[in-house]
N, C-alpha and C. Protein backbone atom coordinates (compact mmCIF):
# COMPACT_ATOMS: atom_id res chain seq x y z
N MET A 1 228.14 204.83 137.17
CA MET A 1 228.44 206.19 136.83
C MET A 1 229.68 206.32 136.39
N ILE A 2 229.80 207.22 135.34
CA ILE A 2 231.34 207.37 134.73
C ILE A 2 231.44 208.93 134.77
N LEU A 3 232.73 209.39 135.36
CA LEU A 3 233.11 210.58 135.25
C LEU A 3 234.36 210.85 134.81
N ASN A 4 234.42 211.73 133.71
CA ASN A 4 235.39 212.01 133.02
C ASN A 4 236.03 213.13 133.74
N GLU A 5 237.49 212.80 133.69
CA GLU A 5 238.53 213.93 134.37
C GLU A 5 238.19 215.32 133.59
N ARG A 6 238.13 215.50 132.40
CA ARG A 6 238.14 216.45 131.60
C ARG A 6 236.66 217.36 132.24
N ASP A 7 235.53 216.57 132.67
CA ASP A 7 234.46 217.32 133.04
C ASP A 7 234.59 217.67 134.72
N THR A 8 235.71 217.47 135.24
CA THR A 8 235.71 217.78 136.43
C THR A 8 237.05 218.76 136.78
N ARG A 9 237.73 218.98 136.00
CA ARG A 9 239.28 219.66 136.06
C ARG A 9 239.02 220.85 136.48
N HIS A 10 238.07 221.79 135.86
CA HIS A 10 238.26 223.20 136.43
C HIS A 10 237.91 223.39 137.77
N GLU A 11 236.92 222.53 138.18
CA GLU A 11 236.47 222.79 139.69
C GLU A 11 237.66 222.13 140.39
N GLN A 12 238.36 221.22 140.06
CA GLN A 12 239.43 220.67 140.95
C GLN A 12 240.51 221.46 141.03
N VAL A 13 240.74 222.38 139.97
CA VAL A 13 241.75 223.44 140.07
C VAL A 13 241.36 224.67 140.77
N LEU A 14 240.10 224.99 140.88
CA LEU A 14 239.71 225.99 141.65
C LEU A 14 239.88 225.51 143.10
N SER A 15 239.62 224.18 143.26
CA SER A 15 239.78 223.84 144.70
C SER A 15 240.95 223.94 145.24
N VAL A 16 241.85 223.62 144.38
CA VAL A 16 243.51 223.70 144.77
C VAL A 16 243.76 225.24 144.98
N GLY A 17 243.28 226.01 144.06
CA GLY A 17 243.35 227.43 144.32
C GLY A 17 243.11 227.82 145.67
N ARG A 18 241.77 227.59 146.14
CA ARG A 18 241.17 227.74 147.49
C ARG A 18 242.31 227.11 148.66
N GLN A 19 242.66 225.93 148.30
CA GLN A 19 243.84 225.48 149.33
C GLN A 19 244.97 226.33 149.25
N MET A 20 245.66 226.91 148.21
CA MET A 20 246.50 227.83 147.97
C MET A 20 246.62 228.91 148.74
N MET A 21 245.25 229.54 148.85
CA MET A 21 244.68 230.49 149.56
C MET A 21 245.31 230.40 150.99
N VAL A 22 244.53 229.54 151.64
CA VAL A 22 244.65 229.09 153.02
C VAL A 22 246.28 228.90 153.37
N ALA A 23 246.92 227.96 152.41
CA ALA A 23 248.33 227.84 152.65
C ALA A 23 248.99 229.03 152.84
N ALA A 24 248.77 230.16 151.99
CA ALA A 24 249.57 231.65 152.02
C ALA A 24 248.94 232.22 153.20
N ARG A 25 247.76 232.05 153.60
CA ARG A 25 247.47 232.65 154.96
C ARG A 25 248.10 232.25 156.45
N THR A 26 248.10 230.74 156.17
CA THR A 26 248.64 230.36 157.27
C THR A 26 250.21 230.34 157.50
N ALA A 27 251.07 230.54 156.40
CA ALA A 27 252.25 230.79 156.20
C ALA A 27 252.95 231.66 157.50
N PRO A 28 254.07 231.41 157.92
CA PRO A 28 254.27 232.33 158.91
C PRO A 28 254.78 233.40 158.62
N LYS A 29 254.59 234.61 159.64
CA LYS A 29 254.71 235.88 159.20
C LYS A 29 255.74 236.73 160.12
N GLY A 30 256.59 237.57 159.96
CA GLY A 30 257.57 238.31 160.71
C GLY A 30 256.80 238.92 161.98
N LYS A 31 257.46 238.68 162.96
CA LYS A 31 256.79 239.20 164.31
C LYS A 31 255.12 238.75 164.43
N GLY A 32 254.57 237.65 163.58
CA GLY A 32 253.50 237.31 163.79
C GLY A 32 252.35 238.14 163.20
N VAL A 33 252.80 239.44 162.52
CA VAL A 33 252.02 240.36 162.13
C VAL A 33 251.46 240.03 160.58
N ASP A 34 250.32 239.99 160.38
CA ASP A 34 249.31 239.55 159.29
C ASP A 34 249.11 240.78 158.48
N ILE A 35 249.68 240.93 157.36
CA ILE A 35 249.59 242.22 156.56
C ILE A 35 249.38 241.57 154.89
N ILE A 36 249.14 240.46 154.86
CA ILE A 36 248.93 239.69 153.63
C ILE A 36 247.57 239.68 153.12
N GLU A 37 247.50 239.93 152.04
CA GLU A 37 246.34 239.95 151.29
C GLU A 37 246.13 238.92 149.98
N ILE A 38 245.02 238.09 149.82
CA ILE A 38 245.08 236.90 149.04
C ILE A 38 243.92 237.02 148.28
N ALA A 39 243.74 236.70 147.09
CA ALA A 39 242.36 236.77 146.14
C ALA A 39 242.66 235.74 145.24
N MET A 40 241.66 235.40 144.45
CA MET A 40 241.49 234.44 143.45
C MET A 40 241.06 235.13 142.25
N VAL A 41 241.61 235.25 140.88
CA VAL A 41 241.05 235.66 140.01
C VAL A 41 240.36 234.62 138.75
N GLY A 42 239.26 234.81 138.29
CA GLY A 42 238.69 233.72 137.49
C GLY A 42 237.86 234.37 136.50
N GLY A 43 237.00 233.79 135.62
CA GLY A 43 236.13 234.21 134.69
C GLY A 43 236.49 235.23 133.87
N ASP A 44 235.77 236.34 133.48
CA ASP A 44 235.85 237.24 132.92
C ASP A 44 237.02 238.04 133.18
N ASP A 45 237.42 238.01 134.64
CA ASP A 45 238.48 238.88 135.07
C ASP A 45 239.74 238.48 134.59
N MET A 46 239.87 237.60 134.15
CA MET A 46 241.29 236.97 133.48
C MET A 46 241.50 237.62 132.20
N LYS A 47 240.48 238.01 131.43
CA LYS A 47 240.67 238.76 130.10
C LYS A 47 241.13 240.26 130.79
N VAL A 48 240.56 240.97 131.77
CA VAL A 48 240.88 241.89 132.26
C VAL A 48 242.16 242.07 132.62
N LEU A 49 242.67 241.00 133.35
CA LEU A 49 244.20 241.18 133.82
C LEU A 49 245.07 240.96 132.51
N SER A 50 244.83 240.07 131.69
CA SER A 50 245.60 239.93 130.28
C SER A 50 245.77 241.42 129.54
N ASP A 51 244.60 241.88 129.58
CA ASP A 51 244.61 243.29 128.70
C ASP A 51 245.33 244.21 129.40
N LYS A 52 245.24 244.12 130.83
CA LYS A 52 246.18 245.21 131.21
C LYS A 52 247.80 244.99 131.58
N MET A 53 247.95 243.87 131.28
CA MET A 53 249.19 243.27 131.21
C MET A 53 249.86 243.69 129.52
N ILE A 54 248.98 243.70 128.80
CA ILE A 54 249.22 243.87 127.38
C ILE A 54 249.50 245.80 127.26
N ALA A 55 248.89 246.33 128.08
CA ALA A 55 248.90 247.99 128.27
C ALA A 55 250.21 248.02 128.87
N LEU A 56 250.41 247.27 129.94
CA LEU A 56 251.56 247.82 130.75
C LEU A 56 252.73 247.40 129.83
N ALA A 57 252.78 246.58 128.88
CA ALA A 57 253.96 246.19 127.74
C ALA A 57 254.11 247.03 127.06
N GLU A 58 253.13 247.73 126.62
CA GLU A 58 253.17 249.14 125.55
C GLU A 58 253.84 250.14 126.29
N GLU A 59 253.53 250.38 127.87
CA GLU A 59 253.90 251.48 128.30
C GLU A 59 255.30 251.21 128.69
N ASN A 60 255.91 250.09 129.31
CA ASN A 60 257.25 249.97 129.81
C ASN A 60 258.24 249.03 128.75
N GLY A 61 257.67 248.74 127.74
CA GLY A 61 258.52 247.91 126.69
C GLY A 61 258.99 246.77 127.11
N MET A 62 258.60 245.78 128.18
CA MET A 62 258.91 244.78 128.64
C MET A 62 258.07 243.67 127.92
N LYS A 63 258.71 243.02 126.72
CA LYS A 63 257.91 242.29 125.93
C LYS A 63 257.53 240.93 126.64
N PHE A 64 258.16 240.50 127.71
CA PHE A 64 257.67 239.56 128.54
C PHE A 64 256.27 239.53 129.16
N PHE A 65 255.85 240.80 129.18
CA PHE A 65 254.62 241.06 129.61
C PHE A 65 253.52 240.64 128.74
N LEU A 66 253.94 240.48 127.44
CA LEU A 66 252.94 240.11 126.33
C LEU A 66 252.78 238.50 126.32
N ARG A 67 254.02 238.12 126.71
CA ARG A 67 253.87 236.32 126.62
C ARG A 67 253.09 236.07 127.84
N ASP A 68 253.40 236.57 128.81
CA ASP A 68 252.68 236.29 130.28
C ASP A 68 251.31 236.67 130.02
N ALA A 69 251.09 237.79 129.38
CA ALA A 69 249.49 238.04 129.20
C ALA A 69 248.70 236.85 128.43
N ASP A 70 249.49 236.21 127.62
CA ASP A 70 248.89 235.09 126.76
C ASP A 70 248.78 233.96 127.68
N ASN A 71 249.85 233.65 128.48
CA ASN A 71 249.97 232.40 129.21
C ASN A 71 248.55 232.76 130.43
N ILE A 72 248.21 233.85 130.76
CA ILE A 72 247.13 234.08 131.63
C ILE A 72 245.87 233.50 131.28
N LEU A 73 245.67 233.51 130.03
CA LEU A 73 244.63 233.09 129.35
C LEU A 73 244.46 231.45 129.11
N SER A 74 245.57 231.03 129.25
CA SER A 74 245.65 229.55 129.52
C SER A 74 245.44 228.97 130.64
N ALA A 75 245.38 229.71 131.79
CA ALA A 75 245.39 229.41 133.00
C ALA A 75 243.75 229.15 133.55
N GLU A 76 243.51 228.27 134.57
CA GLU A 76 241.97 228.10 135.02
C GLU A 76 241.68 229.18 135.55
N CYS A 77 242.69 229.73 136.59
CA CYS A 77 242.60 230.79 137.57
C CYS A 77 243.89 231.22 138.23
N VAL A 78 243.90 232.67 138.62
CA VAL A 78 245.22 233.08 139.22
C VAL A 78 244.93 233.59 140.59
N ILE A 79 245.86 233.31 141.40
CA ILE A 79 246.06 233.41 142.60
C ILE A 79 246.84 234.94 142.95
N LEU A 80 246.40 235.57 143.51
CA LEU A 80 247.05 236.99 143.92
C LEU A 80 247.66 237.00 145.39
N ILE A 81 248.58 237.18 145.56
CA ILE A 81 249.29 237.34 147.01
C ILE A 81 250.14 238.61 146.96
N GLY A 82 249.74 239.42 147.91
CA GLY A 82 250.25 240.53 148.09
C GLY A 82 250.65 241.15 149.55
N THR A 83 251.31 242.17 149.78
CA THR A 83 251.57 242.81 151.05
C THR A 83 251.14 243.92 151.36
N ARG A 84 250.62 244.57 152.17
CA ARG A 84 250.67 245.92 152.63
C ARG A 84 251.89 246.53 153.18
N GLU A 85 251.95 247.60 153.32
CA GLU A 85 253.45 247.96 153.79
C GLU A 85 253.41 248.42 155.10
N GLN A 86 254.30 247.95 156.15
CA GLN A 86 254.09 248.33 157.46
C GLN A 86 255.62 247.96 157.88
N ALA A 87 256.29 248.97 158.39
CA ALA A 87 257.53 248.56 158.83
C ALA A 87 257.17 247.87 160.37
N GLN A 88 258.12 246.85 160.56
CA GLN A 88 257.86 245.86 161.86
C GLN A 88 258.55 246.56 163.07
N GLY A 89 259.29 247.62 162.94
CA GLY A 89 259.96 248.39 164.04
C GLY A 89 260.96 247.41 164.90
N LEU A 90 261.66 246.84 163.89
CA LEU A 90 262.84 245.83 164.33
C LEU A 90 264.28 246.57 164.14
N ASN A 91 264.28 248.01 163.38
CA ASN A 91 265.46 248.35 163.04
C ASN A 91 266.72 247.42 162.88
N CYS A 92 266.15 246.39 161.84
CA CYS A 92 267.27 245.37 161.32
C CYS A 92 268.36 245.76 160.36
N GLY A 93 267.80 246.69 159.67
CA GLY A 93 268.74 247.15 158.44
C GLY A 93 268.67 246.44 157.26
N HIS A 94 267.73 245.23 157.32
CA HIS A 94 267.69 244.36 155.97
C HIS A 94 267.17 245.31 154.81
N CYS A 95 266.49 246.15 154.89
CA CYS A 95 265.96 247.33 153.84
C CYS A 95 267.25 248.18 153.46
N GLY A 96 268.04 248.23 154.12
CA GLY A 96 269.19 249.04 153.61
C GLY A 96 269.50 250.38 154.34
N PHE A 97 268.46 250.62 155.49
CA PHE A 97 268.63 251.74 156.26
C PHE A 97 268.95 251.20 157.60
N ALA A 98 269.52 252.20 158.55
CA ALA A 98 269.85 251.71 160.01
C ALA A 98 268.54 251.41 160.89
N THR A 99 267.72 252.36 160.65
CA THR A 99 266.20 252.12 161.49
C THR A 99 265.16 252.28 160.47
N CYS A 100 264.05 251.81 161.27
CA CYS A 100 262.80 251.69 160.27
C CYS A 100 262.53 253.55 160.30
N ALA A 101 262.63 254.28 161.17
CA ALA A 101 262.40 255.75 161.13
C ALA A 101 263.23 256.27 160.00
N GLY A 102 264.36 255.82 159.69
CA GLY A 102 265.14 256.39 158.60
C GLY A 102 264.99 255.92 157.32
N ARG A 103 264.17 254.85 157.14
CA ARG A 103 263.67 254.52 155.95
C ARG A 103 263.40 255.42 154.80
N THR A 104 263.69 255.79 153.63
CA THR A 104 262.91 256.59 152.52
C THR A 104 261.58 256.05 152.24
N GLU A 105 260.71 257.06 152.07
CA GLU A 105 259.21 256.58 151.81
C GLU A 105 259.30 255.86 150.37
N GLY A 106 258.57 254.81 150.28
CA GLY A 106 258.65 254.08 149.24
C GLY A 106 259.35 252.70 149.12
N VAL A 107 260.29 252.57 150.18
CA VAL A 107 261.28 251.58 150.42
C VAL A 107 260.53 250.54 151.35
N PRO A 108 260.36 249.31 150.78
CA PRO A 108 259.49 248.48 151.33
C PRO A 108 260.17 247.81 152.78
N CYS A 109 259.76 247.68 153.91
CA CYS A 109 260.25 246.94 154.98
C CYS A 109 260.46 245.42 154.66
N ALA A 110 261.98 245.17 154.71
CA ALA A 110 262.20 243.59 154.34
C ALA A 110 261.38 242.54 154.82
N LEU A 111 260.94 242.76 156.00
CA LEU A 111 260.09 241.71 156.49
C LEU A 111 258.77 241.67 155.83
N ASN A 112 258.13 242.71 155.18
CA ASN A 112 256.89 242.37 154.34
C ASN A 112 257.27 241.98 153.17
N SER A 113 258.49 241.97 152.49
CA SER A 113 258.94 241.31 151.40
C SER A 113 259.05 239.59 151.74
N ILE A 114 259.68 239.32 152.67
CA ILE A 114 259.99 238.06 152.97
C ILE A 114 258.42 237.37 153.40
N ASP A 115 257.87 238.04 154.15
CA ASP A 115 256.50 237.75 154.45
C ASP A 115 255.68 237.19 153.07
N VAL A 116 255.72 237.98 152.05
CA VAL A 116 255.06 237.63 150.81
C VAL A 116 255.64 236.55 150.15
N GLY A 117 257.04 236.50 150.07
CA GLY A 117 257.74 235.42 149.62
C GLY A 117 257.44 234.10 150.28
N ILE A 118 257.15 233.92 151.40
CA ILE A 118 257.14 232.73 152.20
C ILE A 118 255.62 232.22 152.05
N ALA A 119 254.55 233.40 151.95
CA ALA A 119 253.45 232.96 151.42
C ALA A 119 253.19 232.24 150.17
N ILE A 120 253.93 232.95 149.38
CA ILE A 120 253.96 232.36 147.75
C ILE A 120 254.44 231.20 147.83
N GLY A 121 255.73 230.82 148.61
CA GLY A 121 256.16 229.58 148.49
C GLY A 121 255.29 228.55 149.14
N SER A 122 254.54 228.88 150.25
CA SER A 122 253.64 228.12 150.93
C SER A 122 252.46 227.77 149.86
N ALA A 123 251.88 228.55 149.06
CA ALA A 123 250.95 228.50 148.08
C ALA A 123 251.34 227.54 146.88
N CYS A 124 252.52 227.86 146.43
CA CYS A 124 253.21 227.05 145.37
C CYS A 124 253.37 225.52 145.63
N ALA A 125 253.72 225.46 147.17
CA ALA A 125 253.98 224.03 147.52
C ALA A 125 252.69 223.16 147.54
N THR A 126 251.78 223.86 147.89
CA THR A 126 250.11 223.26 147.82
C THR A 126 250.11 222.62 146.20
N ALA A 127 250.06 223.72 145.43
CA ALA A 127 249.72 223.46 144.24
C ALA A 127 250.45 222.25 143.51
N ALA A 128 251.90 222.26 144.16
CA ALA A 128 252.77 221.01 143.73
C ALA A 128 252.29 219.72 144.29
N ASP A 129 251.94 219.95 145.48
CA ASP A 129 251.45 218.62 146.06
C ASP A 129 250.11 218.04 145.57
N ASN A 130 249.37 218.73 144.80
CA ASN A 130 248.47 218.56 143.94
C ASN A 130 248.69 218.01 142.63
N ARG A 131 249.61 218.34 142.18
CA ARG A 131 250.08 218.23 140.90
C ARG A 131 249.73 219.32 139.94
N VAL A 132 249.23 220.29 140.39
CA VAL A 132 248.76 221.71 139.53
C VAL A 132 249.88 222.41 139.15
N ASP A 133 250.03 222.67 138.03
CA ASP A 133 251.10 223.64 137.27
C ASP A 133 250.78 225.13 137.80
N THR A 134 251.91 225.64 137.92
CA THR A 134 251.89 227.17 138.31
C THR A 134 253.46 227.79 137.75
N ARG A 135 253.27 229.11 138.05
CA ARG A 135 254.38 229.95 137.82
C ARG A 135 254.25 231.33 138.54
N VAL A 136 255.15 231.75 139.16
CA VAL A 136 255.06 232.91 139.97
C VAL A 136 255.31 234.14 138.97
N MET A 137 254.34 234.89 138.62
CA MET A 137 254.41 236.03 137.91
C MET A 137 254.55 237.41 138.36
N PHE A 138 255.62 238.22 138.26
CA PHE A 138 255.76 239.68 138.73
C PHE A 138 254.85 240.39 137.73
N SER A 139 254.78 240.23 136.43
CA SER A 139 254.23 240.92 135.38
C SER A 139 252.58 240.88 135.82
N ALA A 140 251.96 239.76 136.11
CA ALA A 140 250.79 239.81 136.37
C ALA A 140 250.25 240.37 137.69
N GLY A 141 251.22 240.27 138.51
CA GLY A 141 251.13 240.90 139.97
C GLY A 141 251.05 242.41 139.56
N LEU A 142 251.81 242.79 139.01
CA LEU A 142 252.09 244.41 138.95
C LEU A 142 250.69 244.77 138.17
N ALA A 143 250.35 244.09 137.31
CA ALA A 143 249.11 244.45 136.62
C ALA A 143 247.69 244.36 137.61
N ALA A 144 247.77 243.38 138.37
CA ALA A 144 246.77 243.33 139.49
C ALA A 144 246.77 244.40 140.39
N GLN A 145 248.14 244.96 140.75
CA GLN A 145 248.33 245.87 141.73
C GLN A 145 247.69 247.35 141.05
N GLN A 146 248.15 247.36 139.82
CA GLN A 146 247.60 248.60 139.22
C GLN A 146 246.18 248.69 138.99
N LEU A 147 245.57 247.42 138.88
CA LEU A 147 243.92 247.32 138.88
C LEU A 147 243.60 247.63 140.18
N ASP A 148 244.22 247.58 141.37
CA ASP A 148 243.77 247.62 142.63
C ASP A 148 242.90 246.63 143.32
N TRP A 149 243.22 245.34 142.66
CA TRP A 149 242.57 244.01 142.87
C TRP A 149 243.08 243.71 144.34
N LEU A 150 243.98 244.13 145.25
CA LEU A 150 244.35 244.00 146.62
C LEU A 150 244.62 245.32 147.24
N PRO A 151 243.47 246.10 147.42
CA PRO A 151 243.56 247.19 147.84
C PRO A 151 244.51 247.51 149.04
N GLY A 152 245.40 248.67 149.01
CA GLY A 152 246.27 248.92 150.13
C GLY A 152 247.85 248.17 149.82
N CYS A 153 247.80 247.08 149.02
CA CYS A 153 249.09 246.38 148.68
C CYS A 153 250.18 247.30 147.99
N GLN A 154 251.28 247.17 148.39
CA GLN A 154 252.46 247.73 147.64
C GLN A 154 253.34 246.80 146.92
N MET A 155 252.96 245.54 147.22
CA MET A 155 253.70 244.59 146.30
C MET A 155 252.91 243.25 146.11
N VAL A 156 252.67 243.01 144.76
CA VAL A 156 251.75 241.91 144.49
C VAL A 156 252.34 240.87 143.33
N PHE A 157 252.03 239.73 143.59
CA PHE A 157 252.52 238.71 142.67
C PHE A 157 251.43 238.02 142.48
N ALA A 158 251.39 237.36 141.18
CA ALA A 158 250.41 236.23 140.82
C ALA A 158 250.78 234.91 140.48
N ILE A 159 249.99 234.05 140.60
CA ILE A 159 250.33 232.81 140.49
C ILE A 159 248.97 232.15 139.54
N PRO A 160 249.27 231.74 138.23
CA PRO A 160 248.27 231.35 137.28
C PRO A 160 248.32 229.79 137.58
N LEU A 161 247.18 229.23 137.50
CA LEU A 161 247.10 227.57 137.63
C LEU A 161 246.80 226.83 136.51
N SER A 162 247.30 225.92 136.30
CA SER A 162 246.71 225.01 135.21
C SER A 162 246.90 223.39 135.35
N ALA A 163 246.07 222.62 134.79
CA ALA A 163 246.12 221.30 134.85
C ALA A 163 245.89 220.82 133.42
N SER A 164 246.80 220.51 132.82
CA SER A 164 246.68 220.20 131.15
C SER A 164 248.03 219.05 131.09
N SER A 165 247.71 218.60 129.79
CA SER A 165 249.07 217.67 129.70
C SER A 165 250.32 218.18 129.64
N LYS A 166 250.72 219.58 129.51
CA LYS A 166 251.86 220.17 129.24
C LYS A 166 251.56 221.47 130.42
N ASN A 167 252.70 221.77 130.86
CA ASN A 167 252.58 223.06 131.57
C ASN A 167 252.76 224.34 130.79
N PRO A 168 251.64 224.90 130.63
CA PRO A 168 251.78 226.12 129.67
C PRO A 168 252.55 227.41 130.18
N PHE A 169 253.11 227.36 131.38
CA PHE A 169 253.94 228.56 131.84
C PHE A 169 255.38 228.05 131.71
N PHE A 170 255.98 227.01 131.36
CA PHE A 170 257.28 226.91 131.08
C PHE A 170 257.45 226.55 129.63
N ASP A 171 258.78 226.64 129.08
CA ASP A 171 259.15 226.48 127.73
C ASP A 171 258.35 227.24 126.85
N ARG A 172 258.35 228.58 127.42
CA ARG A 172 257.38 229.60 126.73
C ARG A 172 258.20 230.53 125.65
N LYS A 173 257.67 230.80 124.60
CA LYS A 173 258.59 231.60 123.68
C LYS A 173 257.63 232.91 123.50
N LEU A 174 258.33 234.16 123.09
CA LEU A 174 257.78 235.25 122.87
C LEU A 174 257.00 235.24 121.64
N LYS A 175 255.81 235.84 121.57
CA LYS A 175 254.99 235.67 120.19
C LYS A 175 255.97 236.47 118.92
N GLN A 176 255.79 235.79 117.94
CA GLN A 176 256.66 236.08 116.74
C GLN A 176 256.53 237.85 116.74
N GLU A 177 255.42 238.40 116.68
CA GLU A 177 255.21 239.90 116.53
C GLU A 177 255.72 240.71 117.63
N THR A 178 256.49 240.05 118.73
CA THR A 178 256.56 240.76 119.57
C THR A 178 258.39 241.16 119.64
N LEU A 179 258.91 240.15 118.83
CA LEU A 179 260.42 240.36 118.78
C LEU A 179 261.02 241.33 118.23
């Protein structure tokens, strides 16, 4: 039997994506409270995500959303990692307010932000261990958040995955028409 790598690559990348979701889930959480949500986007939903990013670029004028929207279409799948907002009651002041109760509505608990960051780091380390290319994208995360793909999450980041001869998520240029 001869098995060509090109014939197995997609399933291998999806398998790494599943491992990344487990790594994000098992990452340490502040006070041991797990308010992280994780999902994998693939298939036709990749185009939905890219289209939403293009719409956001038109709304906010941030041209890098267009570049990232094109990058998403080069990925095998995208991992979404987000956090629901929940004050941890430590009154630590890391959010800029002296107490959790004194926080202005809409200001995230710093521990929630740290938790999502640690989960992203664990997921990306898993991809690196498996030699799968990634890039953490605020743009795609915001699009996924607005699509409500991680319901209840106030902060979402996206991690596209690729296994090709060159990482499509680095050394990127804006499309000429976006300059």
